[in-house]
Amino acid sequence: MTQPKDLRVPSSPDKPPDSLWKKAKLDQQKLMRHNPRECLFRALAAEHGARFAVGFWQHHPIADQNAQSLADAALSFYSQVGGDLLKITPAGTYQATSLGLRDAWQGDSLGRRTIVSRPIHSPNDWLRLDEYAIGAVEAAVVNATALARERLSPDVALFATVISPVTQALQLAGPELLASHANSAPEALRHGLEIIVKRTYALLERYQAAGVDGVYLALQHCLPKLLTPENYAAHGRWADEAVMAACARFPGRILHLHGNPLHLTLPRPPAGWAVHFELGASNPEPAAFREYCARPLVAGLTTAELAGEETAEAIRNRMRAIFDHFGQPSGLVTAGCVLPLDFPLTRARAWVEAIREWSE
């Protein structure tokens, strides 16, 4: 971040010291409001006086299998859309591929890869997971993050996507088998989750070395059809909370609750986290999330709303309504998840510009 110039000057009858320090404070506040990185962290904390932050992201199928092409795609997207952060968004299965999962992009409109084979078939398979394996795709994503950091302005925060341990377990076994093992072989499942947690710790260390400013921790298992609240509370929540505690090394922390409708048996985020979910009709009201975890909320707008032909004034009115409903003076505005591959980036740019111009 560009440092403000030294505003200290000798006192004089015309400019007493108090007025000089007041001016210095005002200039520092102005600098923080216009610096995307500082703006983002203040908005994630829902600070009074912070402007609203805004940012979007997208999957990059095929490009996400190689470090250079993923970095190029993410930076190209950011150059067209702008915003207060750049998030590297690999396929959601990228960590599980190191443990034997196989996937393929089969034309999904959001850019997601389809799981074609899973490595967990019996309880003993949890005992065989390799704590130290780093697959080619996982390594490529970390390297892409480092490449992006080298080319990105230091004034823009760089976020890495991390998949929660329980979501990884769900990917490795599938929902039916995971539920079966939770009930019939809880010790084997616990052992597997312990390995996944250790592997995720190691991934966080690599991201820290790559210059990452924040973690976007994705929970994709909060849908009742995938994992019951009872099984999650009894067998998995501890693993997600362990990873959340390890993320304290990063100044930015966003917990993404993926899906619609969500259940509210969730990890309990410690201080410093913001909670992101889609503002969909089937999801709980923001007040329910706030009552559960008492953390700042991130506004996840639906694709339909983002694609609408709202004027800049309509966008601003919508933001006022959302954050009044949240009971927050500031916050981050984004999509409910990723933008579809065919989403007009000029429309995303219009949201970025409308929100920034309004809150400057």
Protein backbone atom coordinates (compact mmCIF):
# COMPACT_ATOMS: atom_id res chain seq x y z
CA MET A 1 0.00 0.00 0.00
CA THR A 2 1.26 3.48 -0.84
CA GLN A 3 2.20 5.25 2.36
CA PRO A 4 0.81 8.73 3.06
CA LYS A 5 3.29 11.54 2.94
CA ASP A 6 4.66 12.87 6.21
CA LEU A 7 2.24 15.57 7.30
CA ARG A 8 4.17 16.75 10.36
CA VAL A 9 5.35 20.38 10.03
CA PRO A 10 6.58 22.90 12.60
CA SER A 11 3.84 24.57 14.58
CA SER A 12 2.96 28.20 13.85
CA PRO A 13 0.40 30.78 15.04
CA ASP A 14 -1.56 30.26 11.80
CA LYS A 15 -1.63 26.44 12.02
CA PRO A 16 -1.67 25.13 15.56
CA PRO A 17 -0.52 21.52 16.08
CA ASP A 18 -4.05 20.24 16.81
CA SER A 19 -5.32 21.25 13.38
CA LEU A 20 -2.33 19.62 11.70
CA TRP A 21 -2.94 16.30 13.43
CA LYS A 22 -6.62 16.54 12.59
CA LYS A 23 -5.71 17.04 8.91
CA ALA A 24 -3.31 14.10 9.04
CA LYS A 25 -6.06 11.91 10.46
CA LEU A 26 -8.51 12.97 7.76
CA ASP A 27 -5.95 12.31 5.01
CA GLN A 28 -5.24 8.87 6.43
CA GLN A 29 -8.98 8.07 6.49
CA LYS A 30 -9.30 9.22 2.86
CA LEU A 31 -6.36 7.01 1.87
CA MET A 32 -7.95 3.98 3.55
CA ARG A 33 -11.31 4.59 1.83
CA HIS A 34 -9.71 4.69 -1.60
CA ASN A 35 -7.31 1.77 -1.09
CA PRO A 36 -9.09 -1.45 -2.18
CA ARG A 37 -7.19 -3.69 0.22
CA GLU A 38 -7.87 -1.55 3.30
CA CYS A 39 -11.45 -0.95 2.18
CA LEU A 40 -12.07 -4.68 1.88
CA PHE A 41 -10.77 -5.59 5.33
CA ARG A 42 -12.73 -2.76 6.96
CA ALA A 43 -15.89 -3.79 5.09
CA LEU A 44 -15.46 -7.44 6.09
CA ALA A 45 -15.33 -6.25 9.70
CA ALA A 46 -18.48 -4.14 9.06
CA GLU A 47 -16.74 -1.05 10.42
CA HIS A 48 -18.48 2.28 10.76
CA GLY A 49 -17.15 4.79 8.24
CA ALA A 50 -15.94 2.13 5.78
CA ARG A 51 -17.22 2.23 2.22
CA PHE A 52 -18.91 -0.84 0.82
CA ALA A 53 -16.54 -3.31 -0.83
CA VAL A 54 -17.43 -5.21 -3.98
CA GLY A 55 -15.93 -8.08 -5.97
CA PHE A 56 -16.86 -11.05 -8.16
CA TRP A 57 -15.19 -14.23 -9.38
CA GLN A 58 -15.65 -17.02 -11.87
CA HIS A 59 -14.46 -20.58 -12.51
CA HIS A 60 -12.00 -21.13 -15.35
CA PRO A 61 -12.52 -24.69 -16.60
CA ILE A 62 -9.56 -26.30 -18.38
CA ALA A 63 -7.43 -23.25 -17.53
CA ASP A 64 -7.67 -24.28 -13.86
CA GLN A 65 -5.53 -27.38 -14.51
CA ASN A 66 -2.36 -25.36 -15.14
CA ALA A 67 -0.66 -22.69 -13.03
CA GLN A 68 0.10 -20.16 -15.76
CA SER A 69 -3.25 -20.46 -17.53
CA LEU A 70 -5.19 -20.19 -14.26
CA ALA A 71 -3.24 -17.08 -13.19
CA ASP A 72 -3.76 -15.54 -16.64
CA ALA A 73 -7.49 -16.28 -16.60
CA ALA A 74 -8.01 -14.89 -13.10
CA LEU A 75 -6.08 -11.70 -13.86
CA SER A 76 -7.91 -11.24 -17.17
CA PHE A 77 -11.24 -11.56 -15.39
CA TYR A 78 -10.18 -9.02 -12.76
CA SER A 79 -8.93 -6.56 -15.39
CA GLN A 80 -12.38 -6.61 -17.02
CA VAL A 81 -14.54 -6.51 -13.89
CA GLY A 82 -12.42 -4.77 -11.23
CA GLY A 83 -13.35 -4.72 -7.56
CA ASP A 84 -11.68 -4.76 -4.18
CA LEU A 85 -10.25 -8.28 -4.29
CA LEU A 86 -9.04 -10.96 -6.65
CA LYS A 87 -10.02 -14.51 -5.69
CA ILE A 88 -8.33 -17.47 -7.33
CA THR A 89 -11.22 -19.84 -8.03
CA PRO A 90 -10.15 -23.36 -9.02
CA ALA A 91 -12.50 -26.29 -9.38
CA GLY A 92 -14.03 -27.16 -6.01
CA THR A 93 -12.49 -30.64 -6.21
CA TYR A 94 -8.89 -29.46 -6.58
CA GLN A 95 -7.76 -30.58 -3.12
CA ALA A 96 -9.51 -33.95 -3.29
CA THR A 97 -7.70 -34.81 -6.55
CA SER A 98 -4.52 -35.17 -4.50
CA LEU A 99 -6.22 -38.04 -2.63
CA GLY A 100 -7.31 -40.02 -5.68
CA LEU A 101 -10.52 -38.32 -6.79
CA ARG A 102 -10.94 -38.05 -10.56
CA ASP A 103 -12.98 -35.32 -12.21
CA ALA A 104 -13.67 -33.79 -15.63
CA TRP A 105 -15.28 -30.68 -17.00
CA GLN A 106 -18.37 -31.79 -18.90
CA GLY A 107 -19.71 -28.45 -20.05
CA ASP A 108 -21.21 -27.25 -16.75
CA SER A 109 -22.49 -23.67 -17.16
CA LEU A 110 -20.76 -22.53 -13.96
CA GLY A 111 -17.45 -24.15 -14.90
CA ARG A 112 -17.62 -26.88 -12.26
CA ARG A 113 -15.95 -30.23 -12.84
CA THR A 114 -17.92 -33.45 -12.48
CA ILE A 115 -16.64 -36.21 -10.18
CA VAL A 116 -16.13 -39.33 -12.29
CA SER A 117 -14.59 -41.62 -9.63
CA ARG A 118 -14.13 -41.52 -5.86
CA PRO A 119 -11.35 -43.21 -3.85
CA ILE A 120 -13.39 -44.14 -0.74
CA HIS A 121 -15.30 -47.41 -0.95
CA SER A 122 -14.87 -49.02 2.48
CA PRO A 123 -14.04 -47.74 5.98
CA ASN A 124 -10.46 -48.95 5.60
CA ASP A 125 -9.95 -46.51 2.72
CA TRP A 126 -10.06 -43.62 5.20
CA LEU A 127 -7.04 -45.15 6.93
CA ARG A 128 -5.04 -45.20 3.68
CA LEU A 129 -5.31 -41.50 2.80
CA ASP A 130 -1.87 -39.98 2.19
CA GLU A 131 -1.16 -37.04 4.50
CA TYR A 132 1.70 -35.78 2.34
CA ALA A 133 0.51 -36.25 -1.26
CA ILE A 134 0.29 -33.08 -3.35
CA GLY A 135 -1.39 -33.73 -6.66
CA ALA A 136 -0.56 -31.91 -9.87
CA VAL A 137 -3.72 -29.78 -9.80
CA GLU A 138 -3.35 -28.72 -6.17
CA ALA A 139 0.27 -27.72 -6.84
CA ALA A 140 -0.80 -25.81 -9.97
CA VAL A 141 -3.39 -23.80 -8.01
CA VAL A 142 -0.87 -22.76 -5.37
CA ASN A 143 1.63 -21.79 -8.06
CA ALA A 144 -1.07 -19.84 -9.92
CA THR A 145 -1.75 -17.91 -6.74
CA ALA A 146 1.92 -16.98 -6.41
CA LEU A 147 2.07 -15.92 -10.07
CA ALA A 148 -1.02 -13.75 -9.65
CA ARG A 149 0.42 -12.11 -6.55
CA GLU A 150 3.55 -11.13 -8.48
CA ARG A 151 1.49 -9.34 -11.15
CA LEU A 152 -1.29 -7.91 -8.98
CA SER A 153 -1.08 -4.49 -7.38
CA PRO A 154 -0.20 -4.70 -3.68
CA ASP A 155 -3.24 -2.47 -3.06
CA VAL A 156 -5.56 -5.32 -4.12
CA ALA A 157 -6.18 -8.21 -1.73
CA LEU A 158 -5.56 -11.71 -3.06
CA PHE A 159 -7.79 -14.49 -1.72
CA ALA A 160 -7.27 -18.24 -2.01
CA THR A 161 -10.15 -20.71 -2.13
CA VAL A 162 -9.87 -23.50 0.45
CA ILE A 163 -12.36 -26.37 0.60
CA SER A 164 -13.47 -27.40 4.08
CA PRO A 165 -12.41 -30.83 5.40
CA VAL A 166 -15.97 -32.14 5.61
CA THR A 167 -16.69 -31.05 2.03
CA GLN A 168 -13.54 -32.86 0.91
CA ALA A 169 -14.70 -36.00 2.75
CA LEU A 170 -18.07 -35.71 1.02
CA GLN A 171 -16.34 -35.48 -2.36
CA LEU A 172 -14.12 -38.49 -1.61
CA ALA A 173 -16.92 -40.81 -0.50
CA GLY A 174 -20.22 -39.41 -1.77
CA PRO A 175 -23.16 -38.51 0.48
CA GLU A 176 -24.61 -42.00 0.98
CA LEU A 177 -21.32 -43.67 1.88
CA LEU A 178 -20.22 -40.78 4.10
CA ALA A 179 -23.47 -41.06 6.09
CA SER A 180 -23.05 -44.82 6.32
CA HIS A 181 -19.47 -44.55 7.61
CA ALA A 182 -20.46 -41.85 10.10
CA ASN A 183 -22.88 -44.33 11.65
CA SER A 184 -21.05 -47.65 11.18
CA ALA A 185 -17.34 -46.69 11.24
CA PRO A 186 -16.98 -43.34 13.05
CA GLU A 187 -13.38 -44.03 14.15
CA ALA A 188 -12.24 -44.68 10.57
CA LEU A 189 -14.00 -41.53 9.39
CA ARG A 190 -12.40 -39.56 12.22
CA HIS A 191 -8.97 -40.81 11.15
CA GLY A 192 -9.63 -39.76 7.57
CA LEU A 193 -10.78 -36.31 8.64
CA GLU A 194 -7.68 -35.89 10.80
CA ILE A 195 -5.51 -36.53 7.74
CA ILE A 196 -7.55 -34.08 5.65
CA VAL A 197 -7.22 -31.43 8.38
CA LYS A 198 -3.43 -31.85 8.50
CA ARG A 199 -3.24 -31.64 4.72
CA THR A 200 -5.29 -28.44 4.78
CA TYR A 201 -2.97 -26.97 7.43
CA ALA A 202 -0.06 -27.61 5.05
CA LEU A 203 -1.96 -25.99 2.17
CA LEU A 204 -2.56 -22.86 4.27
CA GLU A 205 1.19 -22.63 4.90
CA ARG A 206 1.87 -22.79 1.17
CA TYR A 207 -0.69 -20.08 0.50
CA GLN A 208 0.87 -17.88 3.15
CA ALA A 209 4.26 -18.29 1.47
CA ALA A 210 2.63 -17.39 -1.88
CA GLY A 211 1.58 -13.99 -0.52
CA VAL A 212 -2.13 -14.63 0.01
CA ASP A 213 -4.02 -11.97 1.99
CA GLY A 214 -7.18 -13.90 2.73
CA VAL A 215 -8.91 -17.28 2.75
CA TYR A 216 -12.30 -18.06 1.26
CA LEU A 217 -13.28 -21.25 3.09
CA ALA A 218 -16.00 -23.04 1.13
CA LEU A 219 -18.50 -25.32 2.87
CA GLN A 220 -20.46 -27.23 0.23
CA HIS A 221 -22.04 -29.75 2.59
CA CYS A 222 -24.65 -27.58 4.37
CA LEU A 223 -27.56 -28.85 2.27
CA PRO A 224 -29.78 -31.35 4.15
CA LYS A 225 -29.77 -33.74 1.17
CA LEU A 226 -25.96 -34.02 1.34
CA LEU A 227 -25.26 -34.25 5.06
CA THR A 228 -27.72 -34.22 7.93
CA PRO A 229 -27.25 -31.59 10.63
CA GLU A 230 -27.00 -34.38 13.21
CA ASN A 231 -24.14 -36.19 11.43
CA TYR A 232 -22.31 -32.92 10.85
CA ALA A 233 -22.52 -31.85 14.49
CA ALA A 234 -21.49 -35.28 15.77
CA HIS A 235 -18.73 -36.21 13.31
CA GLY A 236 -17.53 -33.30 11.19
CA ARG A 237 -17.91 -29.85 12.67
CA TRP A 238 -14.73 -30.19 14.74
CA ALA A 239 -12.68 -30.61 11.54
CA ASP A 240 -14.01 -27.46 9.87
CA GLU A 241 -13.53 -25.48 13.08
CA ALA A 242 -9.93 -26.68 13.37
CA VAL A 243 -9.15 -25.30 9.90
CA MET A 244 -10.94 -22.05 10.70
CA ALA A 245 -8.72 -21.59 13.75
CA ALA A 246 -5.62 -22.17 11.60
CA CYS A 247 -6.70 -19.38 9.21
CA ALA A 248 -6.04 -16.72 11.88
CA ARG A 249 -2.69 -16.03 10.16
CA PHE A 250 -4.55 -14.30 7.28
CA PRO A 251 -6.04 -10.82 7.71
CA GLY A 252 -9.02 -11.65 5.48
CA ARG A 253 -11.36 -14.58 6.26
CA ILE A 254 -14.64 -15.35 4.50
CA LEU A 255 -16.75 -18.40 5.35
CA HIS A 256 -18.79 -19.37 2.28
CA LEU A 257 -21.95 -21.38 2.93
CA HIS A 258 -22.76 -22.92 -0.43
CA GLY A 259 -26.25 -23.73 -1.55
CA ASN A 260 -29.93 -23.06 -1.18
CA PRO A 261 -31.63 -24.11 1.08
CA LEU A 262 -29.00 -24.25 3.83
CA HIS A 263 -29.38 -25.82 7.24
CA LEU A 264 -28.10 -23.89 10.23
CA THR A 265 -25.96 -26.53 11.90
CA LEU A 266 -22.72 -24.83 10.99
CA PRO A 267 -19.20 -24.33 12.32
CA ARG A 268 -18.85 -21.59 14.93
CA PRO A 269 -16.51 -19.03 13.35
CA PRO A 270 -14.17 -17.22 15.74
CA ALA A 271 -13.71 -13.46 15.66
CA GLY A 272 -12.35 -12.08 12.39
CA TRP A 273 -14.61 -14.04 10.03
CA ALA A 274 -17.36 -12.79 7.73
CA VAL A 275 -20.13 -15.16 6.62
CA HIS A 276 -21.15 -15.32 2.95
CA PHE A 277 -24.31 -16.97 1.64
CA GLU A 278 -26.80 -16.47 -1.17
CA LEU A 279 -29.73 -14.17 -0.44
CA GLY A 280 -32.12 -16.74 -1.91
CA ALA A 281 -35.80 -17.13 -1.08
CA SER A 282 -35.26 -20.61 0.38
CA ASN A 283 -32.36 -19.66 2.64
CA PRO A 284 -32.77 -18.53 6.25
CA GLU A 285 -33.15 -14.83 6.93
CA PRO A 286 -29.92 -12.92 7.70
CA ALA A 287 -31.10 -12.51 11.29
CA ALA A 288 -30.95 -16.29 11.71
CA PHE A 289 -27.31 -16.39 10.61
CA ARG A 290 -26.44 -13.46 12.84
CA GLU A 291 -28.15 -15.12 15.81
CA TYR A 292 -26.23 -18.33 15.14
CA CYS A 293 -22.72 -16.93 14.75
CA ALA A 294 -22.87 -13.15 15.44
CA ARG A 295 -20.40 -12.37 12.64
CA PRO A 296 -20.52 -9.77 9.83
CA LEU A 297 -22.45 -10.91 6.78
CA VAL A 298 -21.44 -10.78 3.10
CA ALA A 299 -24.23 -10.04 0.62
CA GLY A 300 -24.42 -12.86 -1.93
CA LEU A 301 -26.75 -11.70 -4.72
CA THR A 302 -28.47 -14.15 -7.05
CA THR A 303 -27.42 -14.34 -10.69
CA ALA A 304 -30.88 -13.20 -11.75
CA GLU A 305 -30.60 -10.04 -9.69
CA LEU A 306 -27.09 -9.26 -10.92
CA ALA A 307 -28.17 -9.73 -14.53
CA GLY A 308 -31.09 -7.33 -14.21
CA GLU A 309 -31.05 -4.00 -15.99
CA GLU A 310 -30.94 -1.88 -12.84
CA THR A 311 -29.69 1.67 -13.03
CA ALA A 312 -26.83 2.80 -10.82
CA GLU A 313 -29.38 4.44 -8.51
CA ALA A 314 -31.39 1.21 -8.28
CA ILE A 315 -28.23 -0.70 -7.36
CA ARG A 316 -27.46 1.79 -4.62
CA ASN A 317 -30.98 1.61 -3.23
CA ARG A 318 -30.73 -2.19 -3.18
CA MET A 319 -27.45 -2.00 -1.26
CA ARG A 320 -28.97 0.37 1.30
CA ALA A 321 -31.87 -2.03 1.81
CA ILE A 322 -29.63 -5.10 2.15
CA PHE A 323 -27.28 -3.65 4.72
CA ASP A 324 -30.08 -2.01 6.66
CA HIS A 325 -31.61 -5.50 6.82
CA PHE A 326 -28.26 -6.91 7.95
CA GLY A 327 -27.97 -4.20 10.59
CA GLN A 328 -24.44 -3.39 9.34
CA PRO A 329 -22.89 -0.02 8.47
CA SER A 330 -20.72 -1.61 5.76
CA GLY A 331 -19.90 -4.93 4.15
CA LEU A 332 -18.85 -6.84 1.03
CA VAL A 333 -21.18 -7.23 -1.96
CA THR A 334 -20.71 -10.18 -4.32
CA ALA A 335 -22.59 -13.01 -6.02
CA GLY A 336 -24.12 -15.94 -4.18
CA CYS A 337 -21.26 -18.05 -5.53
CA VAL A 338 -19.46 -17.84 -8.90
CA LEU A 339 -20.70 -15.95 -11.95
CA PRO A 340 -21.83 -18.26 -14.78
CA LEU A 341 -19.40 -18.64 -17.67
CA ASP A 342 -21.70 -16.73 -20.01
CA PHE A 343 -22.44 -13.90 -17.58
CA PRO A 344 -21.81 -10.52 -19.27
CA LEU A 345 -18.76 -9.10 -17.56
CA THR A 346 -19.84 -5.59 -18.51
CA ARG A 347 -22.84 -6.12 -16.22
CA ALA A 348 -20.58 -7.19 -13.33
CA ARG A 349 -18.44 -4.13 -14.01
CA ALA A 350 -21.53 -1.93 -13.81
CA TRP A 351 -22.26 -3.23 -10.30
CA VAL A 352 -18.66 -2.60 -9.26
CA GLU A 353 -18.68 0.95 -10.57
CA ALA A 354 -22.11 1.82 -9.15
CA ILE A 355 -21.21 0.62 -5.66
CA ARG A 356 -17.79 2.25 -5.67
CA GLU A 357 -19.03 5.62 -6.97
CA TRP A 358 -21.82 5.66 -4.40
CA SER A 359 -19.68 4.82 -1.39
CA GLU A 360 -16.54 6.84 -2.16
